[in-house]
Amino acid sequence: MNHMTSDNLRSAFGGESQAHMRYRIWGNLAKKEGKENIARLFLATSDAEQVHATLHFNALRDVAGDFPVTSMAGFGIGSLKENLEGAKGGEVFEYTQMYPAYIAVAEMQGEDEAVKAMRYAIEAEKVHAERYQAAIDAVEAGKDLEVETVKLCPVCGYIAFEDVETCPLCGCKSGLFVEY
């Protein structure tokens, strides 16, 4: 494996992924300001950045060659079960290690909004890990995930597999949830 190329692809993947999200957020803000065409430009560019991220992600497979999935350090290039396990592991890391450390710093610095955002993330990540485990269990049984609905709370990131009246994490009304 060419480690320099691999590192560069990971870095490019991260940058393109962040640009994708940044442009989506800015596009939504432009739309709220009534600037539909600027919003469309941001959203189209966001999708272009996703194309770039996907190209980099796929190129990592070529660079990795015959190296095992574990050498991909969280990129989850493997079987469906391995990808689900990697996703679950990332969620568990976030709520057990990353966010608690970040919250400690934000609390020390008196950054209440940052603490609030990260506490929502911790609780949502716990649910995400549970959802991934349910998917792992389904794959191990040779099935797809058996759910009627998949809905996202737009306030805190909670994912519901069932109908709820309000988000159990933040209290958002279910009518605002995004359905997939």
N, C-alpha and C. Protein backbone atom coordinates (compact mmCIF):
# COMPACT_ATOMS: atom_id res chain seq x y z
N MET A 1 0.86 -1.19 0.00
CA MET A 1 0.00 0.00 0.00
C MET A 1 0.89 1.23 0.00
N ASN A 2 0.58 2.18 -0.85
CA ASN A 2 1.30 3.45 -0.86
C ASN A 2 0.69 4.32 0.23
N HIS A 3 1.40 4.43 1.36
CA HIS A 3 0.84 5.12 2.52
C HIS A 3 0.60 6.61 2.26
N MET A 4 1.48 7.26 1.48
CA MET A 4 1.30 8.68 1.22
C MET A 4 0.03 8.91 0.40
N THR A 5 -0.17 8.11 -0.64
CA THR A 5 -1.38 8.25 -1.45
C THR A 5 -2.61 7.93 -0.62
N SER A 6 -2.54 6.89 0.20
CA SER A 6 -3.65 6.52 1.06
C SER A 6 -3.99 7.67 2.02
N ASP A 7 -2.97 8.24 2.65
CA ASP A 7 -3.19 9.37 3.56
C ASP A 7 -3.80 10.56 2.82
N ASN A 8 -3.30 10.82 1.62
CA ASN A 8 -3.83 11.95 0.83
C ASN A 8 -5.28 11.72 0.44
N LEU A 9 -5.61 10.47 0.06
CA LEU A 9 -7.00 10.17 -0.29
C LEU A 9 -7.92 10.31 0.92
N ARG A 10 -7.47 9.87 2.08
CA ARG A 10 -8.27 10.04 3.30
C ARG A 10 -8.50 11.52 3.60
N SER A 11 -7.44 12.30 3.45
CA SER A 11 -7.54 13.74 3.69
C SER A 11 -8.49 14.39 2.69
N ALA A 12 -8.36 14.03 1.43
CA ALA A 12 -9.24 14.59 0.39
C ALA A 12 -10.68 14.17 0.64
N PHE A 13 -10.88 12.91 1.03
CA PHE A 13 -12.22 12.42 1.36
C PHE A 13 -12.83 13.27 2.48
N GLY A 14 -12.05 13.52 3.53
CA GLY A 14 -12.53 14.34 4.64
C GLY A 14 -12.88 15.75 4.20
N GLY A 15 -12.03 16.36 3.41
CA GLY A 15 -12.28 17.72 2.95
C GLY A 15 -13.51 17.82 2.07
N GLU A 16 -13.66 16.88 1.15
CA GLU A 16 -14.83 16.88 0.26
C GLU A 16 -16.10 16.60 1.06
N SER A 17 -16.02 15.71 2.04
CA SER A 17 -17.18 15.41 2.87
C SER A 17 -17.62 16.63 3.66
N GLN A 18 -16.66 17.34 4.21
CA GLN A 18 -16.99 18.56 4.96
C GLN A 18 -17.57 19.63 4.04
N ALA A 19 -17.00 19.78 2.86
CA ALA A 19 -17.54 20.76 1.92
C ALA A 19 -18.96 20.40 1.52
N HIS A 20 -19.22 19.11 1.31
CA HIS A 20 -20.57 18.64 0.98
C HIS A 20 -21.56 19.12 2.04
N MET A 21 -21.24 18.91 3.28
CA MET A 21 -22.16 19.30 4.37
C MET A 21 -22.24 20.82 4.52
N ARG A 22 -21.12 21.49 4.44
CA ARG A 22 -21.10 22.95 4.57
C ARG A 22 -22.00 23.58 3.50
N TYR A 23 -21.89 23.12 2.27
CA TYR A 23 -22.68 23.69 1.18
C TYR A 23 -24.17 23.37 1.35
N ARG A 24 -24.49 22.20 1.89
CA ARG A 24 -25.91 21.88 2.15
C ARG A 24 -26.47 22.85 3.19
N ILE A 25 -25.72 23.08 4.25
CA ILE A 25 -26.16 24.00 5.30
C ILE A 25 -26.32 25.40 4.73
N TRP A 26 -25.32 25.86 3.99
CA TRP A 26 -25.39 27.20 3.42
C TRP A 26 -26.52 27.31 2.40
N GLY A 27 -26.77 26.25 1.65
CA GLY A 27 -27.88 26.24 0.70
C GLY A 27 -29.22 26.37 1.40
N ASN A 28 -29.37 25.67 2.51
CA ASN A 28 -30.61 25.77 3.28
C ASN A 28 -30.79 27.17 3.86
N LEU A 29 -29.70 27.79 4.28
CA LEU A 29 -29.78 29.16 4.79
C LEU A 29 -30.17 30.13 3.67
N ALA A 30 -29.59 29.94 2.48
CA ALA A 30 -29.94 30.80 1.34
C ALA A 30 -31.41 30.65 1.00
N LYS A 31 -31.91 29.42 1.05
CA LYS A 31 -33.33 29.18 0.76
C LYS A 31 -34.21 29.90 1.77
N LYS A 32 -33.83 29.86 3.05
CA LYS A 32 -34.60 30.55 4.09
C LYS A 32 -34.63 32.06 3.86
N GLU A 33 -33.58 32.57 3.21
CA GLU A 33 -33.52 34.00 2.91
C GLU A 33 -34.21 34.34 1.60
N GLY A 34 -34.84 33.33 0.97
CA GLY A 34 -35.57 33.57 -0.27
C GLY A 34 -34.71 33.61 -1.51
N LYS A 35 -33.48 33.18 -1.40
CA LYS A 35 -32.55 33.19 -2.54
C LYS A 35 -32.50 31.78 -3.13
N GLU A 36 -33.58 31.43 -3.87
CA GLU A 36 -33.74 30.08 -4.39
C GLU A 36 -32.61 29.65 -5.32
N ASN A 37 -32.17 30.53 -6.21
CA ASN A 37 -31.13 30.15 -7.17
C ASN A 37 -29.77 29.97 -6.50
N ILE A 38 -29.48 30.82 -5.52
CA ILE A 38 -28.24 30.64 -4.77
C ILE A 38 -28.32 29.33 -3.99
N ALA A 39 -29.48 29.04 -3.43
CA ALA A 39 -29.68 27.77 -2.71
C ALA A 39 -29.44 26.60 -3.65
N ARG A 40 -29.98 26.69 -4.86
CA ARG A 40 -29.80 25.61 -5.83
C ARG A 40 -28.33 25.44 -6.20
N LEU A 41 -27.60 26.56 -6.34
CA LEU A 41 -26.17 26.49 -6.64
C LEU A 41 -25.43 25.77 -5.50
N PHE A 42 -25.71 26.17 -4.25
CA PHE A 42 -25.07 25.51 -3.11
C PHE A 42 -25.38 24.01 -3.08
N LEU A 43 -26.65 23.66 -3.30
CA LEU A 43 -27.04 22.25 -3.22
C LEU A 43 -26.43 21.44 -4.36
N ALA A 44 -26.38 22.01 -5.55
CA ALA A 44 -25.75 21.31 -6.68
C ALA A 44 -24.26 21.11 -6.41
N THR A 45 -23.61 22.15 -5.89
CA THR A 45 -22.18 22.05 -5.58
C THR A 45 -21.96 21.05 -4.45
N SER A 46 -22.88 21.01 -3.49
CA SER A 46 -22.81 20.03 -2.41
C SER A 46 -22.82 18.62 -2.99
N ASP A 47 -23.71 18.37 -3.94
CA ASP A 47 -23.77 17.04 -4.55
C ASP A 47 -22.50 16.74 -5.35
N ALA A 48 -21.92 17.77 -5.97
CA ALA A 48 -20.66 17.58 -6.69
C ALA A 48 -19.55 17.17 -5.72
N GLU A 49 -19.52 17.79 -4.55
CA GLU A 49 -18.52 17.44 -3.55
C GLU A 49 -18.72 16.00 -3.07
N GLN A 50 -19.99 15.56 -3.00
CA GLN A 50 -20.26 14.17 -2.64
C GLN A 50 -19.71 13.23 -3.71
N VAL A 51 -19.83 13.62 -4.99
CA VAL A 51 -19.25 12.82 -6.08
C VAL A 51 -17.75 12.70 -5.88
N HIS A 52 -17.09 13.82 -5.56
CA HIS A 52 -15.64 13.79 -5.34
C HIS A 52 -15.28 12.89 -4.17
N ALA A 53 -16.02 13.02 -3.06
CA ALA A 53 -15.77 12.18 -1.88
C ALA A 53 -15.92 10.70 -2.24
N THR A 54 -16.95 10.39 -3.02
CA THR A 54 -17.18 9.00 -3.42
C THR A 54 -16.04 8.48 -4.28
N LEU A 55 -15.55 9.31 -5.19
CA LEU A 55 -14.41 8.91 -6.02
C LEU A 55 -13.18 8.62 -5.16
N HIS A 56 -12.92 9.48 -4.17
CA HIS A 56 -11.78 9.27 -3.28
C HIS A 56 -11.97 8.00 -2.44
N PHE A 57 -13.17 7.81 -1.95
CA PHE A 57 -13.50 6.62 -1.15
C PHE A 57 -13.24 5.36 -1.96
N ASN A 58 -13.73 5.35 -3.19
CA ASN A 58 -13.54 4.18 -4.05
C ASN A 58 -12.08 3.98 -4.43
N ALA A 59 -11.35 5.07 -4.61
CA ALA A 59 -9.92 4.96 -4.95
C ALA A 59 -9.14 4.36 -3.78
N LEU A 60 -9.60 4.56 -2.58
CA LEU A 60 -8.92 3.95 -1.42
C LEU A 60 -8.90 2.43 -1.53
N ARG A 61 -9.95 1.86 -2.10
CA ARG A 61 -9.97 0.41 -2.29
C ARG A 61 -8.84 -0.03 -3.22
N ASP A 62 -8.63 0.73 -4.28
CA ASP A 62 -7.57 0.39 -5.23
C ASP A 62 -6.20 0.53 -4.59
N VAL A 63 -6.02 1.57 -3.79
CA VAL A 63 -4.75 1.80 -3.12
C VAL A 63 -4.50 0.71 -2.08
N ALA A 64 -5.57 0.26 -1.40
CA ALA A 64 -5.42 -0.75 -0.36
C ALA A 64 -5.06 -2.10 -0.94
N GLY A 65 -5.47 -2.36 -2.18
CA GLY A 65 -5.14 -3.64 -2.81
C GLY A 65 -5.68 -4.81 -2.01
N ASP A 66 -4.81 -5.72 -1.66
CA ASP A 66 -5.21 -6.92 -0.94
C ASP A 66 -5.14 -6.76 0.58
N PHE A 67 -4.90 -5.56 1.05
CA PHE A 67 -4.79 -5.36 2.49
C PHE A 67 -6.15 -5.58 3.14
N PRO A 68 -6.16 -6.08 4.38
CA PRO A 68 -7.44 -6.35 5.05
C PRO A 68 -8.21 -5.08 5.36
N VAL A 69 -9.50 -5.26 5.58
CA VAL A 69 -10.38 -4.14 5.89
C VAL A 69 -9.86 -3.33 7.06
N THR A 70 -9.30 -4.00 8.06
CA THR A 70 -8.83 -3.28 9.25
C THR A 70 -7.76 -2.26 8.90
N SER A 71 -7.04 -2.48 7.81
CA SER A 71 -6.01 -1.51 7.43
C SER A 71 -6.62 -0.23 6.87
N MET A 72 -7.92 -0.25 6.60
CA MET A 72 -8.56 0.93 6.05
C MET A 72 -8.98 1.91 7.13
N ALA A 73 -8.70 1.61 8.37
CA ALA A 73 -8.91 2.53 9.50
C ALA A 73 -10.25 3.24 9.48
N GLY A 74 -11.32 2.45 9.56
CA GLY A 74 -12.63 3.05 9.69
C GLY A 74 -13.34 3.36 8.39
N PHE A 75 -12.74 3.07 7.27
CA PHE A 75 -13.41 3.37 6.01
C PHE A 75 -14.42 2.30 5.64
N GLY A 76 -14.48 1.21 6.38
CA GLY A 76 -15.53 0.22 6.20
C GLY A 76 -15.62 -0.36 4.82
N ILE A 77 -14.49 -0.61 4.20
CA ILE A 77 -14.52 -1.21 2.88
C ILE A 77 -14.44 -2.71 3.10
N GLY A 78 -15.58 -3.35 3.04
CA GLY A 78 -15.62 -4.78 3.28
C GLY A 78 -17.00 -5.31 3.02
N SER A 79 -17.33 -6.40 3.70
CA SER A 79 -18.66 -6.98 3.56
C SER A 79 -19.69 -6.06 4.21
N LEU A 80 -20.95 -6.32 3.93
CA LEU A 80 -22.01 -5.52 4.54
C LEU A 80 -21.92 -5.59 6.06
N LYS A 81 -21.69 -6.78 6.60
CA LYS A 81 -21.58 -6.93 8.05
C LYS A 81 -20.38 -6.14 8.58
N GLU A 82 -19.24 -6.22 7.90
CA GLU A 82 -18.06 -5.46 8.34
C GLU A 82 -18.32 -3.96 8.29
N ASN A 83 -19.02 -3.50 7.25
CA ASN A 83 -19.35 -2.08 7.15
C ASN A 83 -20.26 -1.66 8.30
N LEU A 84 -21.25 -2.50 8.61
CA LEU A 84 -22.15 -2.20 9.73
C LEU A 84 -21.40 -2.20 11.06
N GLU A 85 -20.49 -3.16 11.24
CA GLU A 85 -19.70 -3.20 12.46
C GLU A 85 -18.80 -1.98 12.58
N GLY A 86 -18.23 -1.55 11.45
CA GLY A 86 -17.41 -0.34 11.44
C GLY A 86 -18.22 0.90 11.79
N ALA A 87 -19.44 0.98 11.25
CA ALA A 87 -20.32 2.10 11.55
C ALA A 87 -20.70 2.11 13.03
N LYS A 88 -21.06 0.94 13.55
CA LYS A 88 -21.41 0.84 14.97
C LYS A 88 -20.22 1.23 15.84
N GLY A 89 -19.05 0.72 15.49
CA GLY A 89 -17.84 1.05 16.25
C GLY A 89 -17.56 2.55 16.28
N GLY A 90 -17.78 3.20 15.15
CA GLY A 90 -17.59 4.66 15.09
C GLY A 90 -18.57 5.39 15.99
N GLU A 91 -19.82 4.94 16.00
CA GLU A 91 -20.83 5.57 16.85
C GLU A 91 -20.48 5.37 18.33
N VAL A 92 -20.07 4.16 18.69
CA VAL A 92 -19.71 3.87 20.08
C VAL A 92 -18.51 4.72 20.50
N PHE A 93 -17.50 4.83 19.64
CA PHE A 93 -16.34 5.67 19.93
C PHE A 93 -16.79 7.11 20.20
N GLU A 94 -17.69 7.62 19.37
CA GLU A 94 -18.13 9.01 19.53
C GLU A 94 -18.81 9.24 20.87
N TYR A 95 -19.72 8.33 21.29
CA TYR A 95 -20.43 8.60 22.53
C TYR A 95 -19.67 8.17 23.78
N THR A 96 -18.68 7.28 23.64
CA THR A 96 -17.94 6.86 24.84
C THR A 96 -16.65 7.65 25.05
N GLN A 97 -16.04 8.12 23.97
CA GLN A 97 -14.74 8.77 24.11
C GLN A 97 -14.69 10.20 23.56
N MET A 98 -15.05 10.35 22.30
CA MET A 98 -14.86 11.64 21.66
C MET A 98 -15.71 12.75 22.28
N TYR A 99 -17.04 12.57 22.27
CA TYR A 99 -17.90 13.63 22.78
C TYR A 99 -17.72 13.90 24.28
N PRO A 100 -17.55 12.89 25.13
CA PRO A 100 -17.31 13.22 26.54
C PRO A 100 -16.08 14.12 26.73
N ALA A 101 -15.01 13.85 25.98
CA ALA A 101 -13.82 14.69 26.07
C ALA A 101 -14.11 16.10 25.56
N TYR A 102 -14.82 16.22 24.46
CA TYR A 102 -15.16 17.52 23.90
C TYR A 102 -16.07 18.30 24.86
N ILE A 103 -17.01 17.60 25.47
CA ILE A 103 -17.93 18.26 26.40
C ILE A 103 -17.18 18.79 27.61
N ALA A 104 -16.24 18.02 28.11
CA ALA A 104 -15.45 18.48 29.27
C ALA A 104 -14.76 19.80 28.96
N VAL A 105 -14.19 19.92 27.77
CA VAL A 105 -13.52 21.16 27.37
C VAL A 105 -14.54 22.29 27.22
N ALA A 106 -15.65 22.02 26.55
CA ALA A 106 -16.67 23.05 26.34
C ALA A 106 -17.24 23.53 27.67
N GLU A 107 -17.46 22.61 28.62
CA GLU A 107 -17.97 23.01 29.94
C GLU A 107 -16.95 23.88 30.65
N MET A 108 -15.69 23.50 30.58
CA MET A 108 -14.62 24.27 31.21
C MET A 108 -14.56 25.68 30.64
N GLN A 109 -14.87 25.81 29.35
CA GLN A 109 -14.80 27.11 28.69
C GLN A 109 -16.14 27.85 28.72
N GLY A 110 -17.15 27.26 29.36
CA GLY A 110 -18.45 27.92 29.48
C GLY A 110 -19.21 28.03 28.17
N GLU A 111 -19.00 27.10 27.26
CA GLU A 111 -19.65 27.14 25.95
C GLU A 111 -20.93 26.29 26.00
N ASP A 112 -22.01 26.87 26.51
CA ASP A 112 -23.24 26.14 26.76
C ASP A 112 -23.88 25.57 25.49
N GLU A 113 -23.88 26.32 24.39
CA GLU A 113 -24.48 25.83 23.15
C GLU A 113 -23.70 24.63 22.60
N ALA A 114 -22.38 24.69 22.73
CA ALA A 114 -21.57 23.55 22.27
C ALA A 114 -21.86 22.32 23.12
N VAL A 115 -21.99 22.52 24.43
CA VAL A 115 -22.30 21.40 25.33
C VAL A 115 -23.65 20.80 24.94
N LYS A 116 -24.65 21.65 24.70
CA LYS A 116 -25.99 21.17 24.34
C LYS A 116 -25.94 20.36 23.04
N ALA A 117 -25.26 20.88 22.03
CA ALA A 117 -25.16 20.20 20.74
C ALA A 117 -24.49 18.84 20.90
N MET A 118 -23.43 18.79 21.69
CA MET A 118 -22.70 17.54 21.86
C MET A 118 -23.46 16.54 22.72
N ARG A 119 -24.24 17.02 23.67
CA ARG A 119 -25.06 16.10 24.48
C ARG A 119 -26.14 15.45 23.60
N TYR A 120 -26.76 16.24 22.71
CA TYR A 120 -27.70 15.65 21.75
C TYR A 120 -26.99 14.58 20.92
N ALA A 121 -25.78 14.91 20.46
CA ALA A 121 -25.04 13.97 19.62
C ALA A 121 -24.75 12.67 20.38
N ILE A 122 -24.34 12.78 21.64
CA ILE A 122 -24.05 11.57 22.43
C ILE A 122 -25.27 10.67 22.48
N GLU A 123 -26.41 11.23 22.81
CA GLU A 123 -27.62 10.42 22.96
C GLU A 123 -28.06 9.84 21.61
N ALA A 124 -27.94 10.63 20.56
CA ALA A 124 -28.32 10.14 19.23
C ALA A 124 -27.35 9.04 18.78
N GLU A 125 -26.05 9.19 19.06
CA GLU A 125 -25.07 8.19 18.65
C GLU A 125 -25.35 6.85 19.34
N LYS A 126 -25.81 6.89 20.58
CA LYS A 126 -26.17 5.64 21.28
C LYS A 126 -27.28 4.91 20.51
N VAL A 127 -28.27 5.67 20.07
CA VAL A 127 -29.38 5.08 19.31
C VAL A 127 -28.88 4.58 17.96
N HIS A 128 -28.00 5.35 17.32
CA HIS A 128 -27.45 4.91 16.03
C HIS A 128 -26.74 3.56 16.19
N ALA A 129 -25.97 3.41 17.26
CA ALA A 129 -25.27 2.14 17.50
C ALA A 129 -26.27 1.00 17.67
N GLU A 130 -27.36 1.27 18.38
CA GLU A 130 -28.41 0.25 18.55
C GLU A 130 -29.03 -0.11 17.20
N ARG A 131 -29.27 0.90 16.37
CA ARG A 131 -29.87 0.65 15.06
C ARG A 131 -28.93 -0.18 14.19
N TYR A 132 -27.62 0.14 14.25
CA TYR A 132 -26.65 -0.64 13.49
C TYR A 132 -26.60 -2.07 14.00
N GLN A 133 -26.69 -2.27 15.31
CA GLN A 133 -26.68 -3.63 15.84
C GLN A 133 -27.89 -4.41 15.34
N ALA A 134 -29.04 -3.77 15.28
CA ALA A 134 -30.23 -4.44 14.74
C ALA A 134 -29.98 -4.85 13.29
N ALA A 135 -29.30 -4.00 12.53
CA ALA A 135 -28.99 -4.33 11.13
C ALA A 135 -27.97 -5.46 11.05
N ILE A 136 -26.99 -5.47 11.95
CA ILE A 136 -26.01 -6.56 11.99
C ILE A 136 -26.72 -7.88 12.28
N ASP A 137 -27.63 -7.85 13.25
CA ASP A 137 -28.39 -9.06 13.59
C ASP A 137 -29.18 -9.56 12.38
N ALA A 138 -29.77 -8.64 11.63
CA ALA A 138 -30.53 -9.02 10.44
C ALA A 138 -29.63 -9.65 9.39
N VAL A 139 -28.47 -9.05 9.15
CA VAL A 139 -27.53 -9.57 8.16
C VAL A 139 -27.05 -10.96 8.57
N GLU A 140 -26.76 -11.13 9.86
CA GLU A 140 -26.32 -12.45 10.34
C GLU A 140 -27.41 -13.50 10.14
N ALA A 141 -28.67 -13.09 10.15
CA ALA A 141 -29.79 -14.01 9.92
C ALA A 141 -30.12 -14.14 8.43
N GLY A 142 -29.31 -13.48 7.58
CA GLY A 142 -29.54 -13.55 6.14
C GLY A 142 -30.71 -12.72 5.67
N LYS A 143 -31.05 -11.68 6.41
CA LYS A 143 -32.21 -10.86 6.09
C LYS A 143 -31.84 -9.38 5.96
N ASP A 144 -32.80 -8.62 5.50
CA ASP A 144 -32.70 -7.16 5.54
C ASP A 144 -33.28 -6.72 6.88
N LEU A 145 -33.04 -5.51 7.23
CA LEU A 145 -33.60 -4.93 8.44
C LEU A 145 -35.11 -4.87 8.27
N GLU A 146 -35.85 -5.40 9.22
CA GLU A 146 -37.31 -5.42 9.11
C GLU A 146 -37.89 -4.26 9.90
N VAL A 147 -38.11 -3.15 9.19
CA VAL A 147 -38.70 -1.96 9.80
C VAL A 147 -39.75 -1.40 8.87
N GLU A 148 -40.77 -0.83 9.44
CA GLU A 148 -41.82 -0.19 8.65
C GLU A 148 -41.38 1.20 8.21
N THR A 149 -40.64 1.88 9.08
CA THR A 149 -40.30 3.27 8.83
C THR A 149 -38.91 3.58 9.36
N VAL A 150 -38.26 4.54 8.73
CA VAL A 150 -37.01 5.10 9.22
C VAL A 150 -37.19 6.61 9.15
N LYS A 151 -37.17 7.23 10.33
CA LYS A 151 -37.38 8.68 10.40
C LYS A 151 -36.26 9.32 11.20
N LEU A 152 -35.91 10.55 10.79
CA LEU A 152 -34.83 11.31 11.41
C LEU A 152 -35.36 12.56 12.08
N CYS A 153 -35.00 12.76 13.34
CA CYS A 153 -35.32 14.02 14.01
C CYS A 153 -34.34 15.08 13.49
N PRO A 154 -34.86 16.17 12.92
CA PRO A 154 -33.97 17.18 12.34
C PRO A 154 -33.30 18.06 13.39
N VAL A 155 -33.71 17.94 14.65
CA VAL A 155 -33.14 18.79 15.70
C VAL A 155 -31.91 18.14 16.33
N CYS A 156 -32.02 16.85 16.68
CA CYS A 156 -30.93 16.21 17.42
C CYS A 156 -30.29 15.02 16.72
N GLY A 157 -30.90 14.50 15.64
CA GLY A 157 -30.33 13.38 14.92
C GLY A 157 -30.81 12.01 15.36
N TYR A 158 -31.81 11.96 16.24
CA TYR A 158 -32.39 10.69 16.66
C TYR A 158 -32.99 9.98 15.44
N ILE A 159 -32.81 8.67 15.35
CA ILE A 159 -33.40 7.88 14.27
C ILE A 159 -34.45 6.95 14.86
N ALA A 160 -35.68 7.08 14.35
CA ALA A 160 -36.80 6.27 14.84
C ALA A 160 -37.14 5.19 13.82
N PHE A 161 -37.34 3.98 14.32
CA PHE A 161 -37.84 2.88 13.49
C PHE A 161 -39.34 2.70 13.72
N GLU A 162 -39.88 3.51 14.60
CA GLU A 162 -41.29 3.40 14.97
C GLU A 162 -41.90 4.80 14.95
N ASP A 163 -43.22 4.86 14.94
CA ASP A 163 -43.88 6.16 15.02
C ASP A 163 -43.83 6.64 16.46
N VAL A 164 -43.41 7.88 16.64
CA VAL A 164 -43.38 8.51 17.95
C VAL A 164 -44.08 9.86 17.84
N GLU A 165 -44.66 10.33 18.92
CA GLU A 165 -45.32 11.64 18.89
C GLU A 165 -44.30 12.77 18.98
N THR A 166 -43.30 12.54 19.83
CA THR A 166 -42.22 13.52 19.97
C THR A 166 -40.89 12.77 20.08
N CYS A 167 -39.83 13.45 19.76
CA CYS A 167 -38.51 12.86 19.86
C CYS A 167 -38.21 12.58 21.33
N PRO A 168 -37.79 11.37 21.67
CA PRO A 168 -37.49 11.06 23.06
C PRO A 168 -36.23 11.76 23.57
N LEU A 169 -35.42 12.30 22.68
CA LEU A 169 -34.19 12.97 23.11
C LEU A 169 -34.37 14.47 23.29
N CYS A 170 -35.08 15.12 22.34
CA CYS A 170 -35.15 16.58 22.38
C CYS A 170 -36.57 17.14 22.44
N GLY A 171 -37.58 16.27 22.26
CA GLY A 171 -38.96 16.74 22.34
C GLY A 171 -39.53 17.30 21.05
N CYS A 172 -38.76 17.24 19.96
CA CYS A 172 -39.25 17.74 18.67
C CYS A 172 -40.51 16.97 18.27
N LYS A 173 -41.49 17.67 17.72
CA LYS A 173 -42.72 17.02 17.26
C LYS A 173 -42.42 16.11 16.07
N SER A 174 -43.02 14.94 16.05
CA SER A 174 -42.74 13.94 15.00
C SER A 174 -43.13 14.44 13.62
N GLY A 175 -44.04 15.39 13.53
CA GLY A 175 -44.42 15.93 12.24
C GLY A 175 -43.28 16.61 11.51
N LEU A 176 -42.22 16.97 12.25
CA LEU A 176 -41.06 17.60 11.64
C LEU A 176 -39.99 16.59 11.22
N PHE A 177 -40.17 15.33 11.60
CA PHE A 177 -39.19 14.29 11.27
C PHE A 177 -39.11 14.14 9.75
N VAL A 178 -37.94 13.75 9.27
CA VAL A 178 -37.71 13.46 7.86
C VAL A 178 -37.84 11.95 7.68
N GLU A 179 -38.69 11.54 6.74
CA GLU A 179 -38.91 10.11 6.52
C GLU A 179 -38.08 9.64 5.34
N TYR A 180 -37.48 8.46 5.49
CA TYR A 180 -36.65 7.85 4.44
C TYR A 180 -37.31 6.61 3.90
